[in-house]
Amino acid sequence: MIMGGEVYLGEPTYTAAWDIGRKLGLQVAAHILSPFGIRPILDDLAAGTGGTGNNIGLDPTTCSST
């Protein structure tokens, strides 16, 4: 099972989804849709400063689709 981490739904929503997924020990699927201006969000995730607490990042528990 993989938790959806739809970053295009905004920081509060994807932060909650990623928190739930990680608490359940699930891999998080970061659905990054580049036509919707997601580049700044992807940059934050790559730097480990995404989410409402600036502490969410891409790591081995994350898979992404673009």
N, C-alpha and C. Protein backbone atom coordinates (compact mmCIF):
# COMPACT_ATOMS: atom_id res chain seq x y z
N MET A 1 0.85 -1.16 0.00
CA MET A 1 0.00 0.00 0.00
C MET A 1 0.90 1.24 0.00
N ILE A 2 0.48 2.26 -0.73
CA ILE A 2 1.21 3.52 -0.80
C ILE A 2 0.24 4.65 -0.47
N MET A 3 0.70 5.61 0.30
CA MET A 3 -0.10 6.78 0.65
C MET A 3 0.07 7.84 -0.42
N GLY A 4 -1.04 8.39 -0.89
CA GLY A 4 -0.99 9.49 -1.87
C GLY A 4 -0.56 10.77 -1.18
N GLY A 5 0.41 11.44 -1.75
CA GLY A 5 0.88 12.71 -1.20
C GLY A 5 0.77 13.80 -2.24
N GLU A 6 -0.46 14.10 -2.61
CA GLU A 6 -0.73 15.03 -3.70
C GLU A 6 -0.33 16.45 -3.33
N VAL A 7 0.88 16.84 -3.72
CA VAL A 7 1.40 18.14 -3.33
C VAL A 7 0.64 19.29 -3.98
N TYR A 8 -0.04 19.03 -5.07
CA TYR A 8 -0.78 20.09 -5.76
C TYR A 8 -2.03 20.53 -4.99
N LEU A 9 -2.40 19.82 -3.93
CA LEU A 9 -3.56 20.19 -3.11
C LEU A 9 -3.21 21.20 -2.02
N GLY A 10 -1.95 21.59 -1.94
CA GLY A 10 -1.52 22.59 -0.97
C GLY A 10 -0.80 22.00 0.22
N GLU A 11 -0.01 22.84 0.88
CA GLU A 11 0.84 22.39 1.99
C GLU A 11 0.07 21.73 3.13
N PRO A 12 -1.02 22.32 3.63
CA PRO A 12 -1.71 21.67 4.75
C PRO A 12 -2.19 20.26 4.41
N THR A 13 -2.71 20.09 3.19
CA THR A 13 -3.24 18.79 2.79
C THR A 13 -2.13 17.77 2.61
N TYR A 14 -1.07 18.13 1.87
CA TYR A 14 -0.03 17.12 1.66
C TYR A 14 0.77 16.87 2.92
N THR A 15 0.89 17.86 3.80
CA THR A 15 1.58 17.63 5.07
C THR A 15 0.82 16.59 5.89
N ALA A 16 -0.50 16.73 5.97
CA ALA A 16 -1.32 15.77 6.71
C ALA A 16 -1.22 14.38 6.10
N ALA A 17 -1.29 14.30 4.77
CA ALA A 17 -1.21 13.00 4.09
C ALA A 17 0.15 12.34 4.34
N TRP A 18 1.23 13.12 4.24
CA TRP A 18 2.57 12.55 4.45
C TRP A 18 2.73 12.12 5.91
N ASP A 19 2.20 12.89 6.85
CA ASP A 19 2.28 12.50 8.26
C ASP A 19 1.56 11.19 8.52
N ILE A 20 0.36 11.05 7.97
CA ILE A 20 -0.41 9.81 8.14
C ILE A 20 0.34 8.64 7.52
N GLY A 21 0.81 8.82 6.28
CA GLY A 21 1.54 7.75 5.60
C GLY A 21 2.76 7.29 6.38
N ARG A 22 3.52 8.23 6.89
CA ARG A 22 4.73 7.87 7.63
C ARG A 22 4.40 7.22 8.97
N LYS A 23 3.34 7.67 9.63
CA LYS A 23 2.92 7.03 10.90
C LYS A 23 2.50 5.59 10.67
N LEU A 24 1.93 5.32 9.48
CA LEU A 24 1.51 3.96 9.15
C LEU A 24 2.62 3.13 8.52
N GLY A 25 3.80 3.74 8.34
CA GLY A 25 4.93 3.03 7.76
C GLY A 25 4.77 2.79 6.26
N LEU A 26 4.03 3.67 5.59
CA LEU A 26 3.78 3.51 4.16
C LEU A 26 4.72 4.38 3.34
N GLN A 27 5.01 3.92 2.15
CA GLN A 27 5.72 4.75 1.21
C GLN A 27 4.76 5.85 0.76
N VAL A 28 5.27 7.05 0.51
CA VAL A 28 4.45 8.17 0.08
C VAL A 28 4.68 8.43 -1.40
N ALA A 29 3.61 8.52 -2.16
CA ALA A 29 3.70 8.83 -3.58
C ALA A 29 3.50 10.33 -3.75
N ALA A 30 4.53 11.02 -4.15
CA ALA A 30 4.46 12.46 -4.36
C ALA A 30 4.03 12.72 -5.80
N HIS A 31 2.77 13.02 -5.99
CA HIS A 31 2.26 13.30 -7.33
C HIS A 31 2.57 14.76 -7.66
N ILE A 32 3.59 14.95 -8.46
CA ILE A 32 4.08 16.29 -8.77
C ILE A 32 3.73 16.59 -10.22
N LEU A 33 2.78 17.48 -10.40
CA LEU A 33 2.29 17.82 -11.72
C LEU A 33 2.89 19.15 -12.15
N SER A 34 3.93 19.10 -12.97
CA SER A 34 4.67 20.30 -13.32
C SER A 34 3.86 21.40 -13.99
N PRO A 35 2.80 21.12 -14.73
CA PRO A 35 2.07 22.23 -15.36
C PRO A 35 1.37 23.15 -14.36
N PHE A 36 1.25 22.76 -13.13
CA PHE A 36 0.52 23.54 -12.14
C PHE A 36 1.42 24.37 -11.24
N GLY A 37 2.61 24.72 -11.70
CA GLY A 37 3.50 25.56 -10.91
C GLY A 37 4.04 24.88 -9.68
N ILE A 38 4.32 23.61 -9.78
CA ILE A 38 4.76 22.82 -8.63
C ILE A 38 6.26 22.92 -8.39
N ARG A 39 7.00 23.52 -9.29
CA ARG A 39 8.46 23.55 -9.17
C ARG A 39 8.94 24.07 -7.81
N PRO A 40 8.39 25.19 -7.28
CA PRO A 40 8.85 25.65 -5.97
C PRO A 40 8.60 24.62 -4.86
N ILE A 41 7.49 23.90 -4.95
CA ILE A 41 7.20 22.86 -3.95
C ILE A 41 8.20 21.73 -4.08
N LEU A 42 8.49 21.31 -5.31
CA LEU A 42 9.47 20.25 -5.54
C LEU A 42 10.84 20.67 -5.03
N ASP A 43 11.21 21.93 -5.27
CA ASP A 43 12.49 22.43 -4.77
C ASP A 43 12.55 22.34 -3.25
N ASP A 44 11.46 22.72 -2.56
CA ASP A 44 11.41 22.62 -1.10
C ASP A 44 11.52 21.16 -0.64
N LEU A 45 10.79 20.27 -1.31
CA LEU A 45 10.85 18.85 -0.94
C LEU A 45 12.25 18.29 -1.16
N ALA A 46 12.89 18.67 -2.25
CA ALA A 46 14.25 18.19 -2.53
C ALA A 46 15.23 18.69 -1.47
N ALA A 47 14.97 19.89 -0.95
CA ALA A 47 15.85 20.46 0.09
C ALA A 47 15.48 19.99 1.49
N GLY A 48 14.36 19.26 1.61
CA GLY A 48 13.92 18.79 2.93
C GLY A 48 13.21 19.87 3.73
N THR A 49 12.72 20.90 3.05
CA THR A 49 12.07 22.01 3.74
C THR A 49 10.61 22.19 3.29
N GLY A 50 9.98 21.12 2.85
CA GLY A 50 8.59 21.20 2.43
C GLY A 50 7.64 21.05 3.59
N GLY A 51 6.36 21.26 3.31
CA GLY A 51 5.32 21.10 4.31
C GLY A 51 5.17 22.29 5.22
N THR A 52 4.14 22.24 6.04
CA THR A 52 3.83 23.36 6.93
C THR A 52 4.89 23.56 8.01
N GLY A 53 5.63 22.52 8.34
CA GLY A 53 6.67 22.63 9.37
C GLY A 53 8.06 22.77 8.78
N ASN A 54 8.13 22.90 7.44
CA ASN A 54 9.41 22.99 6.73
C ASN A 54 10.33 21.82 7.05
N ASN A 55 9.74 20.62 7.20
CA ASN A 55 10.53 19.45 7.58
C ASN A 55 10.22 18.20 6.75
N ILE A 56 9.54 18.37 5.63
CA ILE A 56 9.21 17.23 4.78
C ILE A 56 10.12 17.26 3.56
N GLY A 57 10.68 16.11 3.24
CA GLY A 57 11.56 16.03 2.09
C GLY A 57 11.48 14.69 1.41
N LEU A 58 12.01 14.66 0.21
CA LEU A 58 12.09 13.41 -0.53
C LEU A 58 13.17 12.54 0.10
N ASP A 59 12.85 11.28 0.28
CA ASP A 59 13.79 10.33 0.87
C ASP A 59 13.45 8.92 0.38
N PRO A 60 14.11 7.89 0.85
CA PRO A 60 13.84 6.54 0.35
C PRO A 60 12.41 6.06 0.57
N THR A 61 11.64 6.71 1.46
CA THR A 61 10.25 6.31 1.66
C THR A 61 9.30 7.03 0.71
N THR A 62 9.85 7.82 -0.20
CA THR A 62 9.04 8.61 -1.12
C THR A 62 9.25 8.14 -2.55
N CYS A 63 8.18 7.99 -3.27
CA CYS A 63 8.29 7.76 -4.71
C CYS A 63 7.57 8.92 -5.38
N SER A 64 8.00 9.29 -6.55
CA SER A 64 7.36 10.43 -7.21
C SER A 64 6.95 10.09 -8.61
N SER A 65 5.93 10.76 -9.06
CA SER A 65 5.51 10.67 -10.44
C SER A 65 5.32 12.07 -10.95
N THR A 66 5.77 12.32 -12.14
CA THR A 66 5.66 13.67 -12.70
C THR A 66 4.89 13.65 -14.00
